[in-house]
Amino acid sequence: MLQSVKPVQVKTISERAPIYHPPLPYPMSLTEVDWQVMTPVTMQEYLDNLESGNATERAFYTLSSQEYQNLSMTMSEVTRYTRDILSIIKYYRELDKAEEDVQKR
């Protein structure tokens, strides 16, 4: 006795593979810096206080006006780059979330 064979139905479902979203890095933990602008007058006050023992010893770094502008521009560029990268990450995460919502319906 031969049994009848039922035809096999093949159904192809096309789905995009889920996008891996690595976790964002920890937020920056910045430490406050005590900036002090030194002029000839304030430098002399510091030296007088240092001589009398009323000032802590400090290392001084100097920047010309152009170097300060370069530093400022560099920090602005870091800020812009970080903001742009985060907006790209947000775009792809929202895109993936929207596709998940459509698939759940």
PDB file of N, CA and C in Angstrom:
ATOM      1  N   MET A   1       0.801  -1.165   0.000  1.00  0.00           N
ATOM      2  CA  MET A   1       0.000   0.000   0.000  1.00  0.00           C
ATOM      3  C   MET A   1       0.863   1.254   0.000  1.00  0.00           C
ATOM      4  N   LEU A   2       0.662   2.009  -0.952  1.00  0.00           N
ATOM      5  CA  LEU A   2       1.374   3.274  -1.065  1.00  0.00           C
ATOM      6  C   LEU A   2       0.507   4.396  -0.532  1.00  0.00           C
ATOM      7  N   GLN A   3       1.131   5.186   0.265  1.00  0.00           N
ATOM      8  CA  GLN A   3       0.416   6.358   0.767  1.00  0.00           C
ATOM      9  C   GLN A   3       0.689   7.534  -0.167  1.00  0.00           C
ATOM     10  N   SER A   4      -0.272   8.374  -0.286  1.00  0.00           N
ATOM     11  CA  SER A   4      -0.049   9.522  -1.146  1.00  0.00           C
ATOM     12  C   SER A   4       0.839  10.531  -0.427  1.00  0.00           C
ATOM     13  N   VAL A   5       1.720  11.115  -1.178  1.00  0.00           N
ATOM     14  CA  VAL A   5       2.670  12.085  -0.624  1.00  0.00           C
ATOM     15  C   VAL A   5       2.089  13.475  -0.817  1.00  0.00           C
ATOM     16  N   LYS A   6       2.097  14.228   0.261  1.00  0.00           N
ATOM     17  CA  LYS A   6       1.601  15.598   0.187  1.00  0.00           C
ATOM     18  C   LYS A   6       2.724  16.505  -0.322  1.00  0.00           C
ATOM     19  N   PRO A   7       2.384  17.418  -1.192  1.00  0.00           N
ATOM     20  CA  PRO A   7       3.438  18.321  -1.687  1.00  0.00           C
ATOM     21  C   PRO A   7       3.931  19.247  -0.567  1.00  0.00           C
ATOM     22  N   VAL A   8       5.201  19.542  -0.623  1.00  0.00           N
ATOM     23  CA  VAL A   8       5.820  20.420   0.358  1.00  0.00           C
ATOM     24  C   VAL A   8       5.663  21.860  -0.129  1.00  0.00           C
ATOM     25  N   GLN A   9       5.237  22.691   0.776  1.00  0.00           N
ATOM     26  CA  GLN A   9       5.116  24.107   0.436  1.00  0.00           C
ATOM     27  C   GLN A   9       6.356  24.840   0.922  1.00  0.00           C
ATOM     28  N   VAL A  10       6.959  25.591   0.017  1.00  0.00           N
ATOM     29  CA  VAL A  10       8.131  26.388   0.353  1.00  0.00           C
ATOM     30  C   VAL A  10       7.709  27.849   0.388  1.00  0.00           C
ATOM     31  N   LYS A  11       7.965  28.466   1.503  1.00  0.00           N
ATOM     32  CA  LYS A  11       7.604  29.864   1.650  1.00  0.00           C
ATOM     33  C   LYS A  11       8.879  30.643   1.992  1.00  0.00           C
ATOM     34  N   THR A  12       9.217  31.609   1.166  1.00  0.00           N
ATOM     35  CA  THR A  12      10.426  32.402   1.376  1.00  0.00           C
ATOM     36  C   THR A  12      10.043  33.727   2.027  1.00  0.00           C
ATOM     37  N   ILE A  13      10.715  34.020   3.116  1.00  0.00           N
ATOM     38  CA  ILE A  13      10.489  35.273   3.827  1.00  0.00           C
ATOM     39  C   ILE A  13      11.797  36.055   3.771  1.00  0.00           C
ATOM     40  N   SER A  14      11.704  37.240   3.247  1.00  0.00           N
ATOM     41  CA  SER A  14      12.890  38.086   3.136  1.00  0.00           C
ATOM     42  C   SER A  14      12.888  39.086   4.290  1.00  0.00           C
ATOM     43  N   GLU A  15      13.886  38.974   5.155  1.00  0.00           N
ATOM     44  CA  GLU A  15      14.025  39.885   6.288  1.00  0.00           C
ATOM     45  C   GLU A  15      15.456  40.374   6.371  1.00  0.00           C
ATOM     46  N   ARG A  16      15.574  41.613   6.723  1.00  0.00           N
ATOM     47  CA  ARG A  16      16.901  42.165   6.932  1.00  0.00           C
ATOM     48  C   ARG A  16      17.422  41.697   8.291  1.00  0.00           C
ATOM     49  N   ALA A  17      18.687  41.374   8.321  1.00  0.00           N
ATOM     50  CA  ALA A  17      19.295  40.950   9.590  1.00  0.00           C
ATOM     51  C   ALA A  17      19.252  42.117  10.572  1.00  0.00           C
ATOM     52  N   PRO A  18      19.027  41.838  11.844  1.00  0.00           N
ATOM     53  CA  PRO A  18      18.990  42.936  12.818  1.00  0.00           C
ATOM     54  C   PRO A  18      20.346  43.643  12.873  1.00  0.00           C
ATOM     55  N   ILE A  19      20.281  44.924  13.097  1.00  0.00           N
ATOM     56  CA  ILE A  19      21.501  45.723  13.186  1.00  0.00           C
ATOM     57  C   ILE A  19      21.998  45.682  14.623  1.00  0.00           C
ATOM     58  N   TYR A  20      23.283  45.415  14.765  1.00  0.00           N
ATOM     59  CA  TYR A  20      23.881  45.412  16.098  1.00  0.00           C
ATOM     60  C   TYR A  20      24.141  46.856  16.525  1.00  0.00           C
ATOM     61  N   HIS A  21      23.669  47.206  17.680  1.00  0.00           N
ATOM     62  CA  HIS A  21      23.891  48.545  18.226  1.00  0.00           C
ATOM     63  C   HIS A  21      24.769  48.414  19.459  1.00  0.00           C
ATOM     64  N   PRO A  22      26.068  48.679  19.292  1.00  0.00           N
ATOM     65  CA  PRO A  22      26.930  48.594  20.473  1.00  0.00           C
ATOM     66  C   PRO A  22      26.540  49.670  21.477  1.00  0.00           C
ATOM     67  N   PRO A  23      26.786  49.407  22.729  1.00  0.00           N
ATOM     68  CA  PRO A  23      26.427  50.417  23.732  1.00  0.00           C
ATOM     69  C   PRO A  23      27.278  51.665  23.540  1.00  0.00           C
ATOM     70  N   LEU A  24      26.685  52.799  23.867  1.00  0.00           N
ATOM     71  CA  LEU A  24      27.438  54.050  23.802  1.00  0.00           C
ATOM     72  C   LEU A  24      28.497  54.048  24.897  1.00  0.00           C
ATOM     73  N   PRO A  25      29.600  54.726  24.667  1.00  0.00           N
ATOM     74  CA  PRO A  25      30.618  54.791  25.725  1.00  0.00           C
ATOM     75  C   PRO A  25      30.087  55.564  26.922  1.00  0.00           C
ATOM     76  N   TYR A  26      30.740  55.362  28.031  1.00  0.00           N
ATOM     77  CA  TYR A  26      30.364  56.122  29.221  1.00  0.00           C
ATOM     78  C   TYR A  26      30.489  57.611  28.915  1.00  0.00           C
ATOM     79  N   PRO A  27      29.617  58.424  29.489  1.00  0.00           N
ATOM     80  CA  PRO A  27      29.755  59.867  29.277  1.00  0.00           C
ATOM     81  C   PRO A  27      31.104  60.352  29.782  1.00  0.00           C
ATOM     82  N   MET A  28      31.547  61.442  29.214  1.00  0.00           N
ATOM     83  CA  MET A  28      32.838  61.985  29.641  1.00  0.00           C
ATOM     84  C   MET A  28      32.752  62.445  31.087  1.00  0.00           C
ATOM     85  N   SER A  29      33.796  62.185  31.807  1.00  0.00           N
ATOM     86  CA  SER A  29      33.898  62.635  33.185  1.00  0.00           C
ATOM     87  C   SER A  29      35.012  63.671  33.230  1.00  0.00           C
ATOM     88  N   LEU A  30      34.615  64.912  33.178  1.00  0.00           N
ATOM     89  CA  LEU A  30      35.591  65.989  33.098  1.00  0.00           C
ATOM     90  C   LEU A  30      35.921  66.511  34.483  1.00  0.00           C
ATOM     91  N   THR A  31      37.147  66.893  34.654  1.00  0.00           N
ATOM     92  CA  THR A  31      37.623  67.444  35.908  1.00  0.00           C
ATOM     93  C   THR A  31      37.811  68.943  35.740  1.00  0.00           C
ATOM     94  N   GLU A  32      37.370  69.686  36.710  1.00  0.00           N
ATOM     95  CA  GLU A  32      37.452  71.143  36.633  1.00  0.00           C
ATOM     96  C   GLU A  32      38.907  71.591  36.641  1.00  0.00           C
ATOM     97  N   VAL A  33      39.184  72.586  35.833  1.00  0.00           N
ATOM     98  CA  VAL A  33      40.517  73.178  35.765  1.00  0.00           C
ATOM     99  C   VAL A  33      40.411  74.627  36.229  1.00  0.00           C
ATOM    100  N   ASP A  34      41.322  75.032  37.096  1.00  0.00           N
ATOM    101  CA  ASP A  34      41.338  76.407  37.593  1.00  0.00           C
ATOM    102  C   ASP A  34      42.249  77.224  36.678  1.00  0.00           C
ATOM    103  N   TRP A  35      41.627  77.915  35.717  1.00  0.00           N
ATOM    104  CA  TRP A  35      42.378  78.753  34.781  1.00  0.00           C
ATOM    105  C   TRP A  35      42.682  80.084  35.447  1.00  0.00           C
ATOM    106  N   GLN A  36      43.885  80.542  35.226  1.00  0.00           N
ATOM    107  CA  GLN A  36      44.272  81.834  35.774  1.00  0.00           C
ATOM    108  C   GLN A  36      45.026  82.592  34.681  1.00  0.00           C
ATOM    109  N   VAL A  37      44.548  83.753  34.361  1.00  0.00           N
ATOM    110  CA  VAL A  37      45.209  84.578  33.351  1.00  0.00           C
ATOM    111  C   VAL A  37      46.281  85.396  34.052  1.00  0.00           C
ATOM    112  N   MET A  38      47.490  85.243  33.567  1.00  0.00           N
ATOM    113  CA  MET A  38      48.602  85.954  34.188  1.00  0.00           C
ATOM    114  C   MET A  38      48.952  87.187  33.361  1.00  0.00           C
ATOM    115  N   THR A  39      48.961  88.310  34.034  1.00  0.00           N
ATOM    116  CA  THR A  39      49.420  89.571  33.453  1.00  0.00           C
ATOM    117  C   THR A  39      50.660  89.963  34.252  1.00  0.00           C
ATOM    118  N   PRO A  40      51.384  90.951  33.821  1.00  0.00           N
ATOM    119  CA  PRO A  40      52.544  91.357  34.637  1.00  0.00           C
ATOM    120  C   PRO A  40      52.157  91.696  36.078  1.00  0.00           C
ATOM    121  N   VAL A  41      51.004  92.312  36.272  1.00  0.00           N
ATOM    122  CA  VAL A  41      50.563  92.689  37.625  1.00  0.00           C
ATOM    123  C   VAL A  41      50.217  91.441  38.439  1.00  0.00           C
ATOM    124  N   THR A  42      49.397  90.553  37.873  1.00  0.00           N
ATOM    125  CA  THR A  42      49.002  89.356  38.635  1.00  0.00           C
ATOM    126  C   THR A  42      50.193  88.422  38.847  1.00  0.00           C
ATOM    127  N   MET A  43      51.142  88.425  37.907  1.00  0.00           N
ATOM    128  CA  MET A  43      52.339  87.599  38.075  1.00  0.00           C
ATOM    129  C   MET A  43      53.176  88.121  39.232  1.00  0.00           C
ATOM    130  N   GLN A  44      53.296  89.427  39.333  1.00  0.00           N
ATOM    131  CA  GLN A  44      54.058  90.008  40.435  1.00  0.00           C
ATOM    132  C   GLN A  44      53.367  89.721  41.765  1.00  0.00           C
ATOM    133  N   GLU A  45      52.042  89.819  41.804  1.00  0.00           N
ATOM    134  CA  GLU A  45      51.294  89.475  43.024  1.00  0.00           C
ATOM    135  C   GLU A  45      51.546  88.018  43.406  1.00  0.00           C
ATOM    136  N   TYR A  46      51.524  87.145  42.423  1.00  0.00           N
ATOM    137  CA  TYR A  46      51.770  85.723  42.700  1.00  0.00           C
ATOM    138  C   TYR A  46      53.175  85.526  43.249  1.00  0.00           C
ATOM    139  N   LEU A  47      54.166  86.159  42.631  1.00  0.00           N
ATOM    140  CA  LEU A  47      55.557  86.009  43.098  1.00  0.00           C
ATOM    141  C   LEU A  47      55.723  86.547  44.515  1.00  0.00           C
ATOM    142  N   ASP A  48      55.064  87.674  44.824  1.00  0.00           N
ATOM    143  CA  ASP A  48      55.123  88.228  46.183  1.00  0.00           C
ATOM    144  C   ASP A  48      54.489  87.257  47.178  1.00  0.00           C
ATOM    145  N   ASN A  49      53.322  86.698  46.826  1.00  0.00           N
ATOM    146  CA  ASN A  49      52.651  85.735  47.707  1.00  0.00           C
ATOM    147  C   ASN A  49      53.469  84.457  47.848  1.00  0.00           C
ATOM    148  N   LEU A  50      54.118  84.057  46.780  1.00  0.00           N
ATOM    149  CA  LEU A  50      54.944  82.847  46.827  1.00  0.00           C
ATOM    150  C   LEU A  50      56.143  83.065  47.746  1.00  0.00           C
ATOM    151  N   GLU A  51      56.733  84.227  47.634  1.00  0.00           N
ATOM    152  CA  GLU A  51      57.891  84.556  48.471  1.00  0.00           C
ATOM    153  C   GLU A  51      57.520  84.601  49.954  1.00  0.00           C
ATOM    154  N   SER A  52      56.322  85.113  50.269  1.00  0.00           N
ATOM    155  CA  SER A  52      55.894  85.198  51.667  1.00  0.00           C
ATOM    156  C   SER A  52      55.275  83.875  52.161  1.00  0.00           C
ATOM    157  N   GLY A  53      55.154  82.886  51.274  1.00  0.00           N
ATOM    158  CA  GLY A  53      54.618  81.585  51.673  1.00  0.00           C
ATOM    159  C   GLY A  53      53.100  81.495  51.619  1.00  0.00           C
ATOM    160  N   ASN A  54      52.440  82.437  50.993  1.00  0.00           N
ATOM    161  CA  ASN A  54      50.979  82.449  50.920  1.00  0.00           C
ATOM    162  C   ASN A  54      50.423  81.936  49.584  1.00  0.00           C
ATOM    163  N   ALA A  55      51.268  81.370  48.768  1.00  0.00           N
ATOM    164  CA  ALA A  55      50.797  80.873  47.464  1.00  0.00           C
ATOM    165  C   ALA A  55      51.346  79.466  47.239  1.00  0.00           C
ATOM    166  N   THR A  56      50.557  78.652  46.599  1.00  0.00           N
ATOM    167  CA  THR A  56      51.035  77.305  46.261  1.00  0.00           C
ATOM    168  C   THR A  56      51.907  77.392  45.014  1.00  0.00           C
ATOM    169  N   GLU A  57      52.872  76.491  44.927  1.00  0.00           N
ATOM    170  CA  GLU A  57      53.723  76.464  43.741  1.00  0.00           C
ATOM    171  C   GLU A  57      52.916  75.889  42.587  1.00  0.00           C
ATOM    172  N   ARG A  58      53.028  76.541  41.455  1.00  0.00           N
ATOM    173  CA  ARG A  58      52.284  76.118  40.269  1.00  0.00           C
ATOM    174  C   ARG A  58      53.218  76.118  39.071  1.00  0.00           C
ATOM    175  N   ALA A  59      52.916  75.252  38.131  1.00  0.00           N
ATOM    176  CA  ALA A  59      53.599  75.308  36.837  1.00  0.00           C
ATOM    177  C   ALA A  59      52.746  76.192  35.937  1.00  0.00           C
ATOM    178  N   PHE A  60      53.373  76.995  35.127  1.00  0.00           N
ATOM    179  CA  PHE A  60      52.643  77.890  34.249  1.00  0.00           C
ATOM    180  C   PHE A  60      52.861  77.479  32.803  1.00  0.00           C
ATOM    181  N   TYR A  61      51.783  77.495  32.059  1.00  0.00           N
ATOM    182  CA  TYR A  61      51.820  77.218  30.636  1.00  0.00           C
ATOM    183  C   TYR A  61      51.347  78.474  29.935  1.00  0.00           C
ATOM    184  N   THR A  62      51.987  78.797  28.878  1.00  0.00           N
ATOM    185  CA  THR A  62      51.587  80.016  28.182  1.00  0.00           C
ATOM    186  C   THR A  62      51.137  79.699  26.770  1.00  0.00           C
ATOM    187  N   LEU A  63      50.214  80.501  26.307  1.00  0.00           N
ATOM    188  CA  LEU A  63      49.742  80.423  24.931  1.00  0.00           C
ATOM    189  C   LEU A  63      49.710  81.838  24.377  1.00  0.00           C
ATOM    190  N   SER A  64      50.105  81.949  23.149  1.00  0.00           N
ATOM    191  CA  SER A  64      49.920  83.246  22.498  1.00  0.00           C
ATOM    192  C   SER A  64      48.446  83.361  22.135  1.00  0.00           C
ATOM    193  N   SER A  65      48.038  84.529  21.713  1.00  0.00           N
ATOM    194  CA  SER A  65      46.634  84.696  21.314  1.00  0.00           C
ATOM    195  C   SER A  65      46.274  83.734  20.189  1.00  0.00           C
ATOM    196  N   GLN A  66      47.179  83.550  19.236  1.00  0.00           N
ATOM    197  CA  GLN A  66      46.918  82.638  18.116  1.00  0.00           C
ATOM    198  C   GLN A  66      46.838  81.191  18.605  1.00  0.00           C
ATOM    199  N   GLU A  67      47.707  80.802  19.522  1.00  0.00           N
ATOM    200  CA  GLU A  67      47.672  79.440  20.055  1.00  0.00           C
ATOM    201  C   GLU A  67      46.391  79.189  20.842  1.00  0.00           C
ATOM    202  N   TYR A  68      45.954  80.193  21.579  1.00  0.00           N
ATOM    203  CA  TYR A  68      44.682  80.057  22.304  1.00  0.00           C
ATOM    204  C   TYR A  68      43.535  79.905  21.321  1.00  0.00           C
ATOM    205  N   GLN A  69      43.555  80.667  20.245  1.00  0.00           N
ATOM    206  CA  GLN A  69      42.520  80.547  19.213  1.00  0.00           C
ATOM    207  C   GLN A  69      42.569  79.152  18.584  1.00  0.00           C
ATOM    208  N   ASN A  70      43.768  78.631  18.334  1.00  0.00           N
ATOM    209  CA  ASN A  70      43.903  77.280  17.779  1.00  0.00           C
ATOM    210  C   ASN A  70      43.327  76.235  18.735  1.00  0.00           C
ATOM    211  N   LEU A  71      43.612  76.377  20.022  1.00  0.00           N
ATOM    212  CA  LEU A  71      43.072  75.458  21.020  1.00  0.00           C
ATOM    213  C   LEU A  71      41.551  75.526  21.035  1.00  0.00           C
ATOM    214  N   SER A  72      41.009  76.721  20.996  1.00  0.00           N
ATOM    215  CA  SER A  72      39.564  76.907  20.989  1.00  0.00           C
ATOM    216  C   SER A  72      38.934  76.272  19.754  1.00  0.00           C
ATOM    217  N   MET A  73      39.542  76.465  18.603  1.00  0.00           N
ATOM    218  CA  MET A  73      39.026  75.890  17.354  1.00  0.00           C
ATOM    219  C   MET A  73      39.105  74.356  17.397  1.00  0.00           C
ATOM    220  N   THR A  74      40.166  73.833  17.967  1.00  0.00           N
ATOM    221  CA  THR A  74      40.315  72.384  18.077  1.00  0.00           C
ATOM    222  C   THR A  74      39.225  71.795  18.967  1.00  0.00           C
ATOM    223  N   MET A  75      38.954  72.440  20.104  1.00  0.00           N
ATOM    224  CA  MET A  75      37.912  71.945  21.000  1.00  0.00           C
ATOM    225  C   MET A  75      36.538  72.049  20.347  1.00  0.00           C
ATOM    226  N   SER A  76      36.315  73.094  19.561  1.00  0.00           N
ATOM    227  CA  SER A  76      35.050  73.220  18.824  1.00  0.00           C
ATOM    228  C   SER A  76      34.909  72.096  17.810  1.00  0.00           C
ATOM    229  N   GLU A  77      36.001  71.740  17.180  1.00  0.00           N
ATOM    230  CA  GLU A  77      35.980  70.663  16.186  1.00  0.00           C
ATOM    231  C   GLU A  77      35.702  69.311  16.856  1.00  0.00           C
ATOM    232  N   VAL A  78      36.279  69.073  18.030  1.00  0.00           N
ATOM    233  CA  VAL A  78      35.998  67.844  18.779  1.00  0.00           C
ATOM    234  C   VAL A  78      34.518  67.786  19.157  1.00  0.00           C
ATOM    235  N   THR A  79      33.978  68.906  19.590  1.00  0.00           N
ATOM    236  CA  THR A  79      32.556  68.982  19.952  1.00  0.00           C
ATOM    237  C   THR A  79      31.670  68.710  18.744  1.00  0.00           C
ATOM    238  N   ARG A  80      31.986  69.323  17.607  1.00  0.00           N
ATOM    239  CA  ARG A  80      31.211  69.118  16.390  1.00  0.00           C
ATOM    240  C   ARG A  80      31.253  67.663  15.954  1.00  0.00           C
ATOM    241  N   TYR A  81      32.438  67.076  15.958  1.00  0.00           N
ATOM    242  CA  TYR A  81      32.600  65.687  15.531  1.00  0.00           C
ATOM    243  C   TYR A  81      31.793  64.750  16.436  1.00  0.00           C
ATOM    244  N   THR A  82      31.868  64.953  17.727  1.00  0.00           N
ATOM    245  CA  THR A  82      31.128  64.121  18.681  1.00  0.00           C
ATOM    246  C   THR A  82      29.625  64.255  18.459  1.00  0.00           C
ATOM    247  N   ARG A  83      29.143  65.468  18.268  1.00  0.00           N
ATOM    248  CA  ARG A  83      27.716  65.705  18.022  1.00  0.00           C
ATOM    249  C   ARG A  83      27.270  65.020  16.723  1.00  0.00           C
ATOM    250  N   ASP A  84      28.102  65.107  15.680  1.00  0.00           N
ATOM    251  CA  ASP A  84      27.758  64.469  14.402  1.00  0.00           C
ATOM    252  C   ASP A  84      27.712  62.948  14.523  1.00  0.00           C
ATOM    253  N   ILE A  85      28.672  62.374  15.202  1.00  0.00           N
ATOM    254  CA  ILE A  85      28.701  60.916  15.379  1.00  0.00           C
ATOM    255  C   ILE A  85      27.479  60.459  16.162  1.00  0.00           C
ATOM    256  N   LEU A  86      27.134  61.170  17.226  1.00  0.00           N
ATOM    257  CA  LEU A  86      25.970  60.787  18.027  1.00  0.00           C
ATOM    258  C   LEU A  86      24.677  60.915  17.229  1.00  0.00           C
ATOM    259  N   SER A  87      24.584  61.900  16.338  1.00  0.00           N
ATOM    260  CA  SER A  87      23.374  62.026  15.527  1.00  0.00           C
ATOM    261  C   SER A  87      23.265  60.890  14.517  1.00  0.00           C
ATOM    262  N   ILE A  88      24.390  60.413  14.000  1.00  0.00           N
ATOM    263  CA  ILE A  88      24.369  59.263  13.088  1.00  0.00           C
ATOM    264  C   ILE A  88      23.919  58.015  13.838  1.00  0.00           C
ATOM    265  N   ILE A  89      24.429  57.809  15.017  1.00  0.00           N
ATOM    266  CA  ILE A  89      24.038  56.655  15.829  1.00  0.00           C
ATOM    267  C   ILE A  89      22.542  56.724  16.134  1.00  0.00           C
ATOM    268  N   LYS A  90      22.069  57.887  16.511  1.00  0.00           N
ATOM    269  CA  LYS A  90      20.647  58.063  16.812  1.00  0.00           C
ATOM    270  C   LYS A  90      19.793  57.753  15.586  1.00  0.00           C
ATOM    271  N   TYR A  91      20.214  58.211  14.403  1.00  0.00           N
ATOM    272  CA  TYR A  91      19.469  57.956  13.167  1.00  0.00           C
ATOM    273  C   TYR A  91      19.310  56.452  12.934  1.00  0.00           C
ATOM    274  N   TYR A  92      20.389  55.692  13.014  1.00  0.00           N
ATOM    275  CA  TYR A  92      20.311  54.263  12.743  1.00  0.00           C
ATOM    276  C   TYR A  92      19.519  53.516  13.819  1.00  0.00           C
ATOM    277  N   ARG A  93      19.626  53.937  15.045  1.00  0.00           N
ATOM    278  CA  ARG A  93      18.844  53.292  16.098  1.00  0.00           C
ATOM    279  C   ARG A  93      17.351  53.545  15.893  1.00  0.00           C
ATOM    280  N   GLU A  94      16.988  54.765  15.524  1.00  0.00           N
ATOM    281  CA  GLU A  94      15.575  55.069  15.267  1.00  0.00           C
ATOM    282  C   GLU A  94      15.078  54.331  14.026  1.00  0.00           C
ATOM    283  N   LEU A  95      15.910  54.216  13.010  1.00  0.00           N
ATOM    284  CA  LEU A  95      15.554  53.489  11.797  1.00  0.00           C
ATOM    285  C   LEU A  95      15.268  52.023  12.125  1.00  0.00           C
ATOM    286  N   ASP A  96      16.126  51.428  12.906  1.00  0.00           N
ATOM    287  CA  ASP A  96      15.945  50.025  13.291  1.00  0.00           C
ATOM    288  C   ASP A  96      14.694  49.863  14.153  1.00  0.00           C
ATOM    289  N   LYS A  97      14.455  50.810  15.073  1.00  0.00           N
ATOM    290  CA  LYS A  97      13.282  50.744  15.942  1.00  0.00           C
ATOM    291  C   LYS A  97      12.005  50.873  15.123  1.00  0.00           C
ATOM    292  N   ALA A  98      11.993  51.747  14.117  1.00  0.00           N
ATOM    293  CA  ALA A  98      10.813  51.923  13.261  1.00  0.00           C
ATOM    294  C   ALA A  98      10.523  50.640  12.488  1.00  0.00           C
ATOM    295  N   GLU A  99      11.554  49.959  12.004  1.00  0.00           N
ATOM    296  CA  GLU A  99      11.348  48.698  11.285  1.00  0.00           C
ATOM    297  C   GLU A  99      10.808  47.610  12.228  1.00  0.00           C
ATOM    298  N   GLU A 100      11.283  47.591  13.468  1.00  0.00           N
ATOM    299  CA  GLU A 100      10.764  46.629  14.429  1.00  0.00           C
ATOM    300  C   GLU A 100       9.289  46.865  14.695  1.00  0.00           C
ATOM    301  N   ASP A 101       8.893  48.140  14.816  1.00  0.00           N
ATOM    302  CA  ASP A 101       7.501  48.480  15.052  1.00  0.00           C
ATOM    303  C   ASP A 101       6.620  48.028  13.887  1.00  0.00           C
ATOM    304  N   VAL A 102       7.112  48.193  12.654  1.00  0.00           N
ATOM    305  CA  VAL A 102       6.355  47.778  11.474  1.00  0.00           C
ATOM    306  C   VAL A 102       6.206  46.252  11.459  1.00  0.00           C
ATOM    307  N   GLN A 103       7.247  45.536  11.828  1.00  0.00           N
ATOM    308  CA  GLN A 103       7.216  44.079  11.818  1.00  0.00           C
ATOM    309  C   GLN A 103       6.279  43.528  12.901  1.00  0.00           C
ATOM    310  N   LYS A 104       6.131  44.237  13.997  1.00  0.00           N
ATOM    311  CA  LYS A 104       5.272  43.764  15.088  1.00  0.00           C
ATOM    312  C   LYS A 104       3.804  43.877  14.755  1.00  0.00           C
ATOM    313  N   ARG A 105       3.457  44.732  13.802  1.00  0.00           N
ATOM    314  CA  ARG A 105       2.043  44.955  13.463  1.00  0.00           C
ATOM    315  C   ARG A 105       1.479  43.822  12.679  1.00  0.00           C
TER     316      ARG A 105
END
